[in-house]
Amino acid sequence: MKALQATEKERITIRIDKSIIAQFKVKAETTGGNYQSLINEVLKQYLLGESLQDVVRRTIQQELQIKQ
């Protein structure tokens, strides 16, 4: 699958376990990011075949670069 282009976001309604949302919020808080953006990134990388660990690592690195 070729790289996914960043596009305009679309508001949707989706049911996700409360415990999953809570974990994304915790991860987002530790990086100073937004949990919805993190979920979006995880879904995108899943489609590209990247692991959750890779996504979280890259997202944290990007957030640290922004804060510097």
PDB file of N, CA and C in Angstrom:
ATOM      1  N   MET A   1       0.851  -1.169   0.000  1.00  0.00           N
ATOM      2  CA  MET A   1       0.000   0.000   0.000  1.00  0.00           C
ATOM      3  C   MET A   1       0.899   1.235   0.000  1.00  0.00           C
ATOM      4  N   LYS A   2       0.621   2.177  -0.859  1.00  0.00           N
ATOM      5  CA  LYS A   2       1.463   3.376  -0.901  1.00  0.00           C
ATOM      6  C   LYS A   2       1.112   4.327   0.235  1.00  0.00           C
ATOM      7  N   ALA A   3       2.005   5.268   0.490  1.00  0.00           N
ATOM      8  CA  ALA A   3       1.834   6.203   1.604  1.00  0.00           C
ATOM      9  C   ALA A   3       0.481   6.899   1.541  1.00  0.00           C
ATOM     10  N   LEU A   4      -0.108   7.060   2.699  1.00  0.00           N
ATOM     11  CA  LEU A   4      -1.391   7.744   2.793  1.00  0.00           C
ATOM     12  C   LEU A   4      -1.153   9.239   2.890  1.00  0.00           C
ATOM     13  N   GLN A   5      -1.867   9.993   2.113  1.00  0.00           N
ATOM     14  CA  GLN A   5      -1.749  11.447   2.119  1.00  0.00           C
ATOM     15  C   GLN A   5      -2.561  12.033   3.274  1.00  0.00           C
ATOM     16  N   ALA A   6      -2.024  13.044   3.920  1.00  0.00           N
ATOM     17  CA  ALA A   6      -2.790  13.754   4.944  1.00  0.00           C
ATOM     18  C   ALA A   6      -3.913  14.502   4.237  1.00  0.00           C
ATOM     19  N   THR A   7      -5.106  14.312   4.730  1.00  0.00           N
ATOM     20  CA  THR A   7      -6.263  14.958   4.110  1.00  0.00           C
ATOM     21  C   THR A   7      -7.091  15.644   5.190  1.00  0.00           C
ATOM     22  N   GLU A   8      -8.118  16.303   4.754  1.00  0.00           N
ATOM     23  CA  GLU A   8      -9.035  16.943   5.690  1.00  0.00           C
ATOM     24  C   GLU A   8      -9.649  15.872   6.579  1.00  0.00           C
ATOM     25  N   LYS A   9      -9.802  16.194   7.838  1.00  0.00           N
ATOM     26  CA  LYS A   9     -10.387  15.244   8.791  1.00  0.00           C
ATOM     27  C   LYS A   9     -11.909  15.242   8.650  1.00  0.00           C
ATOM     28  N   GLU A  10     -12.492  14.102   8.982  1.00  0.00           N
ATOM     29  CA  GLU A  10     -13.950  13.957   8.947  1.00  0.00           C
ATOM     30  C   GLU A  10     -14.435  13.542  10.328  1.00  0.00           C
ATOM     31  N   ARG A  11     -15.447  14.210  10.817  1.00  0.00           N
ATOM     32  CA  ARG A  11     -16.026  13.862  12.115  1.00  0.00           C
ATOM     33  C   ARG A  11     -16.883  12.610  11.933  1.00  0.00           C
ATOM     34  N   ILE A  12     -16.623  11.609  12.786  1.00  0.00           N
ATOM     35  CA  ILE A  12     -17.402  10.364  12.739  1.00  0.00           C
ATOM     36  C   ILE A  12     -17.811   9.981  14.153  1.00  0.00           C
ATOM     37  N   THR A  13     -18.705   9.029  14.242  1.00  0.00           N
ATOM     38  CA  THR A  13     -19.068   8.427  15.517  1.00  0.00           C
ATOM     39  C   THR A  13     -18.600   6.983  15.470  1.00  0.00           C
ATOM     40  N   ILE A  14     -17.835   6.596  16.483  1.00  0.00           N
ATOM     41  CA  ILE A  14     -17.299   5.237  16.534  1.00  0.00           C
ATOM     42  C   ILE A  14     -17.321   4.764  17.985  1.00  0.00           C
ATOM     43  N   ARG A  15     -17.600   3.507  18.176  1.00  0.00           N
ATOM     44  CA  ARG A  15     -17.627   2.949  19.527  1.00  0.00           C
ATOM     45  C   ARG A  15     -16.295   2.239  19.777  1.00  0.00           C
ATOM     46  N   ILE A  16     -15.602   2.715  20.808  1.00  0.00           N
ATOM     47  CA  ILE A  16     -14.312   2.142  21.194  1.00  0.00           C
ATOM     48  C   ILE A  16     -14.379   1.881  22.693  1.00  0.00           C
ATOM     49  N   ASP A  17     -13.826   0.769  23.135  1.00  0.00           N
ATOM     50  CA  ASP A  17     -13.825   0.442  24.556  1.00  0.00           C
ATOM     51  C   ASP A  17     -13.269   1.597  25.384  1.00  0.00           C
ATOM     52  N   LYS A  18     -13.895   1.849  26.527  1.00  0.00           N
ATOM     53  CA  LYS A  18     -13.440   2.925  27.412  1.00  0.00           C
ATOM     54  C   LYS A  18     -11.992   2.724  27.830  1.00  0.00           C
ATOM     55  N   SER A  19     -11.610   1.470  28.056  1.00  0.00           N
ATOM     56  CA  SER A  19     -10.237   1.196  28.492  1.00  0.00           C
ATOM     57  C   SER A  19      -9.222   1.535  27.391  1.00  0.00           C
ATOM     58  N   ILE A  20      -9.617   1.359  26.141  1.00  0.00           N
ATOM     59  CA  ILE A  20      -8.730   1.697  25.022  1.00  0.00           C
ATOM     60  C   ILE A  20      -8.562   3.212  24.942  1.00  0.00           C
ATOM     61  N   ILE A  21      -9.664   3.930  25.036  1.00  0.00           N
ATOM     62  CA  ILE A  21      -9.610   5.397  25.003  1.00  0.00           C
ATOM     63  C   ILE A  21      -8.739   5.908  26.156  1.00  0.00           C
ATOM     64  N   ALA A  22      -8.925   5.319  27.343  1.00  0.00           N
ATOM     65  CA  ALA A  22      -8.143   5.735  28.508  1.00  0.00           C
ATOM     66  C   ALA A  22      -6.649   5.551  28.253  1.00  0.00           C
ATOM     67  N   GLN A  23      -6.270   4.448  27.643  1.00  0.00           N
ATOM     68  CA  GLN A  23      -4.855   4.201  27.367  1.00  0.00           C
ATOM     69  C   GLN A  23      -4.301   5.199  26.351  1.00  0.00           C
ATOM     70  N   PHE A  24      -5.086   5.519  25.333  1.00  0.00           N
ATOM     71  CA  PHE A  24      -4.644   6.515  24.354  1.00  0.00           C
ATOM     72  C   PHE A  24      -4.493   7.885  25.018  1.00  0.00           C
ATOM     73  N   LYS A  25      -5.390   8.214  25.933  1.00  0.00           N
ATOM     74  CA  LYS A  25      -5.296   9.499  26.635  1.00  0.00           C
ATOM     75  C   LYS A  25      -4.034   9.556  27.486  1.00  0.00           C
ATOM     76  N   VAL A  26      -3.705   8.454  28.147  1.00  0.00           N
ATOM     77  CA  VAL A  26      -2.483   8.401  28.953  1.00  0.00           C
ATOM     78  C   VAL A  26      -1.258   8.584  28.067  1.00  0.00           C
ATOM     79  N   LYS A  27      -1.214   7.855  26.951  1.00  0.00           N
ATOM     80  CA  LYS A  27      -0.066   7.980  26.039  1.00  0.00           C
ATOM     81  C   LYS A  27       0.035   9.396  25.484  1.00  0.00           C
ATOM     82  N   ALA A  28      -1.091   9.984  25.157  1.00  0.00           N
ATOM     83  CA  ALA A  28      -1.086  11.352  24.627  1.00  0.00           C
ATOM     84  C   ALA A  28      -0.622  12.347  25.688  1.00  0.00           C
ATOM     85  N   GLU A  29      -1.037  12.148  26.929  1.00  0.00           N
ATOM     86  CA  GLU A  29      -0.607  13.042  28.007  1.00  0.00           C
ATOM     87  C   GLU A  29       0.898  12.982  28.212  1.00  0.00           C
ATOM     88  N   THR A  30       1.481  11.800  28.095  1.00  0.00           N
ATOM     89  CA  THR A  30       2.925  11.672  28.307  1.00  0.00           C
ATOM     90  C   THR A  30       3.725  12.330  27.193  1.00  0.00           C
ATOM     91  N   THR A  31       3.113  12.496  26.036  1.00  0.00           N
ATOM     92  CA  THR A  31       3.823  13.138  24.918  1.00  0.00           C
ATOM     93  C   THR A  31       3.373  14.576  24.709  1.00  0.00           C
ATOM     94  N   GLY A  32       2.350  14.991  25.441  1.00  0.00           N
ATOM     95  CA  GLY A  32       1.828  16.338  25.255  1.00  0.00           C
ATOM     96  C   GLY A  32       0.992  16.467  23.997  1.00  0.00           C
ATOM     97  N   GLY A  33       0.584  15.337  23.443  1.00  0.00           N
ATOM     98  CA  GLY A  33      -0.191  15.347  22.211  1.00  0.00           C
ATOM     99  C   GLY A  33      -1.681  15.234  22.470  1.00  0.00           C
ATOM    100  N   ASN A  34      -2.397  14.873  21.423  1.00  0.00           N
ATOM    101  CA  ASN A  34      -3.846  14.751  21.452  1.00  0.00           C
ATOM    102  C   ASN A  34      -4.188  13.286  21.212  1.00  0.00           C
ATOM    103  N   TYR A  35      -5.047  12.710  22.041  1.00  0.00           N
ATOM    104  CA  TYR A  35      -5.350  11.287  21.907  1.00  0.00           C
ATOM    105  C   TYR A  35      -6.045  10.954  20.585  1.00  0.00           C
ATOM    106  N   GLN A  36      -6.858  11.875  20.072  1.00  0.00           N
ATOM    107  CA  GLN A  36      -7.530  11.608  18.803  1.00  0.00           C
ATOM    108  C   GLN A  36      -6.522  11.570  17.656  1.00  0.00           C
ATOM    109  N   SER A  37      -5.542  12.452  17.698  1.00  0.00           N
ATOM    110  CA  SER A  37      -4.493  12.442  16.679  1.00  0.00           C
ATOM    111  C   SER A  37      -3.674  11.165  16.764  1.00  0.00           C
ATOM    112  N   LEU A  38      -3.431  10.710  18.000  1.00  0.00           N
ATOM    113  CA  LEU A  38      -2.683   9.464  18.178  1.00  0.00           C
ATOM    114  C   LEU A  38      -3.459   8.281  17.607  1.00  0.00           C
ATOM    115  N   ILE A  39      -4.754   8.226  17.868  1.00  0.00           N
ATOM    116  CA  ILE A  39      -5.587   7.153  17.302  1.00  0.00           C
ATOM    117  C   ILE A  39      -5.544   7.215  15.778  1.00  0.00           C
ATOM    118  N   ASN A  40      -5.664   8.409  15.216  1.00  0.00           N
ATOM    119  CA  ASN A  40      -5.612   8.581  13.769  1.00  0.00           C
ATOM    120  C   ASN A  40      -4.285   8.049  13.219  1.00  0.00           C
ATOM    121  N   GLU A  41      -3.193   8.391  13.900  1.00  0.00           N
ATOM    122  CA  GLU A  41      -1.870   7.958  13.453  1.00  0.00           C
ATOM    123  C   GLU A  41      -1.720   6.440  13.543  1.00  0.00           C
ATOM    124  N   VAL A  42      -2.232   5.849  14.614  1.00  0.00           N
ATOM    125  CA  VAL A  42      -2.172   4.393  14.771  1.00  0.00           C
ATOM    126  C   VAL A  42      -2.950   3.701  13.651  1.00  0.00           C
ATOM    127  N   LEU A  43      -4.136   4.207  13.345  1.00  0.00           N
ATOM    128  CA  LEU A  43      -4.936   3.614  12.267  1.00  0.00           C
ATOM    129  C   LEU A  43      -4.227   3.743  10.917  1.00  0.00           C
ATOM    130  N   LYS A  44      -3.641   4.909  10.671  1.00  0.00           N
ATOM    131  CA  LYS A  44      -2.914   5.130   9.425  1.00  0.00           C
ATOM    132  C   LYS A  44      -1.736   4.163   9.297  1.00  0.00           C
ATOM    133  N   GLN A  45      -0.969   4.048  10.369  1.00  0.00           N
ATOM    134  CA  GLN A  45       0.201   3.189  10.326  1.00  0.00           C
ATOM    135  C   GLN A  45      -0.186   1.703  10.260  1.00  0.00           C
ATOM    136  N   TYR A  46      -1.306   1.348  10.852  1.00  0.00           N
ATOM    137  CA  TYR A  46      -1.807  -0.023  10.736  1.00  0.00           C
ATOM    138  C   TYR A  46      -2.039  -0.358   9.258  1.00  0.00           C
ATOM    139  N   LEU A  47      -2.641   0.586   8.558  1.00  0.00           N
ATOM    140  CA  LEU A  47      -2.892   0.367   7.131  1.00  0.00           C
ATOM    141  C   LEU A  47      -1.594   0.254   6.339  1.00  0.00           C
ATOM    142  N   LEU A  48      -0.547   0.895   6.836  1.00  0.00           N
ATOM    143  CA  LEU A  48       0.761   0.837   6.174  1.00  0.00           C
ATOM    144  C   LEU A  48       1.603  -0.336   6.672  1.00  0.00           C
ATOM    145  N   GLY A  49       1.105  -1.048   7.676  1.00  0.00           N
ATOM    146  CA  GLY A  49       1.805  -2.223   8.184  1.00  0.00           C
ATOM    147  C   GLY A  49       2.821  -1.941   9.281  1.00  0.00           C
ATOM    148  N   GLU A  50       2.764  -0.757   9.889  1.00  0.00           N
ATOM    149  CA  GLU A  50       3.694  -0.401  10.951  1.00  0.00           C
ATOM    150  C   GLU A  50       3.098  -0.805  12.305  1.00  0.00           C
ATOM    151  N   SER A  51       3.939  -1.217  13.247  1.00  0.00           N
ATOM    152  CA  SER A  51       3.444  -1.664  14.552  1.00  0.00           C
ATOM    153  C   SER A  51       3.076  -0.486  15.444  1.00  0.00           C
ATOM    154  N   LEU A  52       2.252  -0.758  16.440  1.00  0.00           N
ATOM    155  CA  LEU A  52       1.867   0.265  17.406  1.00  0.00           C
ATOM    156  C   LEU A  52       3.103   0.816  18.110  1.00  0.00           C
ATOM    157  N   GLN A  53       4.032  -0.053  18.440  1.00  0.00           N
ATOM    158  CA  GLN A  53       5.263   0.387  19.096  1.00  0.00           C
ATOM    159  C   GLN A  53       6.024   1.372  18.215  1.00  0.00           C
ATOM    160  N   ASP A  54       6.122   1.086  16.922  1.00  0.00           N
ATOM    161  CA  ASP A  54       6.790   1.991  15.987  1.00  0.00           C
ATOM    162  C   ASP A  54       6.080   3.339  15.927  1.00  0.00           C
ATOM    163  N   VAL A  55       4.753   3.305  15.902  1.00  0.00           N
ATOM    164  CA  VAL A  55       3.957   4.530  15.814  1.00  0.00           C
ATOM    165  C   VAL A  55       4.153   5.384  17.062  1.00  0.00           C
ATOM    166  N   VAL A  56       4.061   4.764  18.233  1.00  0.00           N
ATOM    167  CA  VAL A  56       4.212   5.511  19.479  1.00  0.00           C
ATOM    168  C   VAL A  56       5.614   6.093  19.570  1.00  0.00           C
ATOM    169  N   ARG A  57       6.622   5.303  19.224  1.00  0.00           N
ATOM    170  CA  ARG A  57       8.004   5.780  19.264  1.00  0.00           C
ATOM    171  C   ARG A  57       8.186   6.989  18.342  1.00  0.00           C
ATOM    172  N   ARG A  58       7.699   6.900  17.119  1.00  0.00           N
ATOM    173  CA  ARG A  58       7.838   7.987  16.154  1.00  0.00           C
ATOM    174  C   ARG A  58       7.060   9.226  16.603  1.00  0.00           C
ATOM    175  N   THR A  59       5.858   9.015  17.124  1.00  0.00           N
ATOM    176  CA  THR A  59       5.041  10.130  17.585  1.00  0.00           C
ATOM    177  C   THR A  59       5.717  10.862  18.743  1.00  0.00           C
ATOM    178  N   ILE A  60       6.281  10.114  19.672  1.00  0.00           N
ATOM    179  CA  ILE A  60       6.990  10.730  20.796  1.00  0.00           C
ATOM    180  C   ILE A  60       8.192  11.515  20.288  1.00  0.00           C
ATOM    181  N   GLN A  61       8.932  10.954  19.366  1.00  0.00           N
ATOM    182  CA  GLN A  61      10.088  11.647  18.807  1.00  0.00           C
ATOM    183  C   GLN A  61       9.654  12.952  18.119  1.00  0.00           C
ATOM    184  N   GLN A  62       8.563  12.918  17.391  1.00  0.00           N
ATOM    185  CA  GLN A  62       8.069  14.116  16.713  1.00  0.00           C
ATOM    186  C   GLN A  62       7.637  15.167  17.729  1.00  0.00           C
ATOM    187  N   GLU A  63       6.947  14.737  18.773  1.00  0.00           N
ATOM    188  CA  GLU A  63       6.486  15.670  19.806  1.00  0.00           C
ATOM    189  C   GLU A  63       7.680  16.301  20.520  1.00  0.00           C
ATOM    190  N   LEU A  64       8.710  15.521  20.797  1.00  0.00           N
ATOM    191  CA  LEU A  64       9.899  16.068  21.451  1.00  0.00           C
ATOM    192  C   LEU A  64      10.601  17.097  20.560  1.00  0.00           C
ATOM    193  N   GLN A  65      10.630  16.852  19.268  1.00  0.00           N
ATOM    194  CA  GLN A  65      11.245  17.805  18.342  1.00  0.00           C
ATOM    195  C   GLN A  65      10.461  19.112  18.297  1.00  0.00           C
ATOM    196  N   ILE A  66       9.148  19.027  18.354  1.00  0.00           N
ATOM    197  CA  ILE A  66       8.295  20.218  18.325  1.00  0.00           C
ATOM    198  C   ILE A  66       8.531  21.066  19.557  1.00  0.00           C
ATOM    199  N   LYS A  67       8.716  20.439  20.705  1.00  0.00           N
ATOM    200  CA  LYS A  67       8.874  21.163  21.976  1.00  0.00           C
ATOM    201  C   LYS A  67      10.258  21.803  22.112  1.00  0.00           C
ATOM    202  N   GLN A  68      11.217  21.405  21.309  1.00  0.00           N
ATOM    203  CA  GLN A  68      12.580  21.950  21.423  1.00  0.00           C
ATOM    204  C   GLN A  68      12.738  23.250  20.723  1.00  0.00           C
TER     205      GLN A  68
END
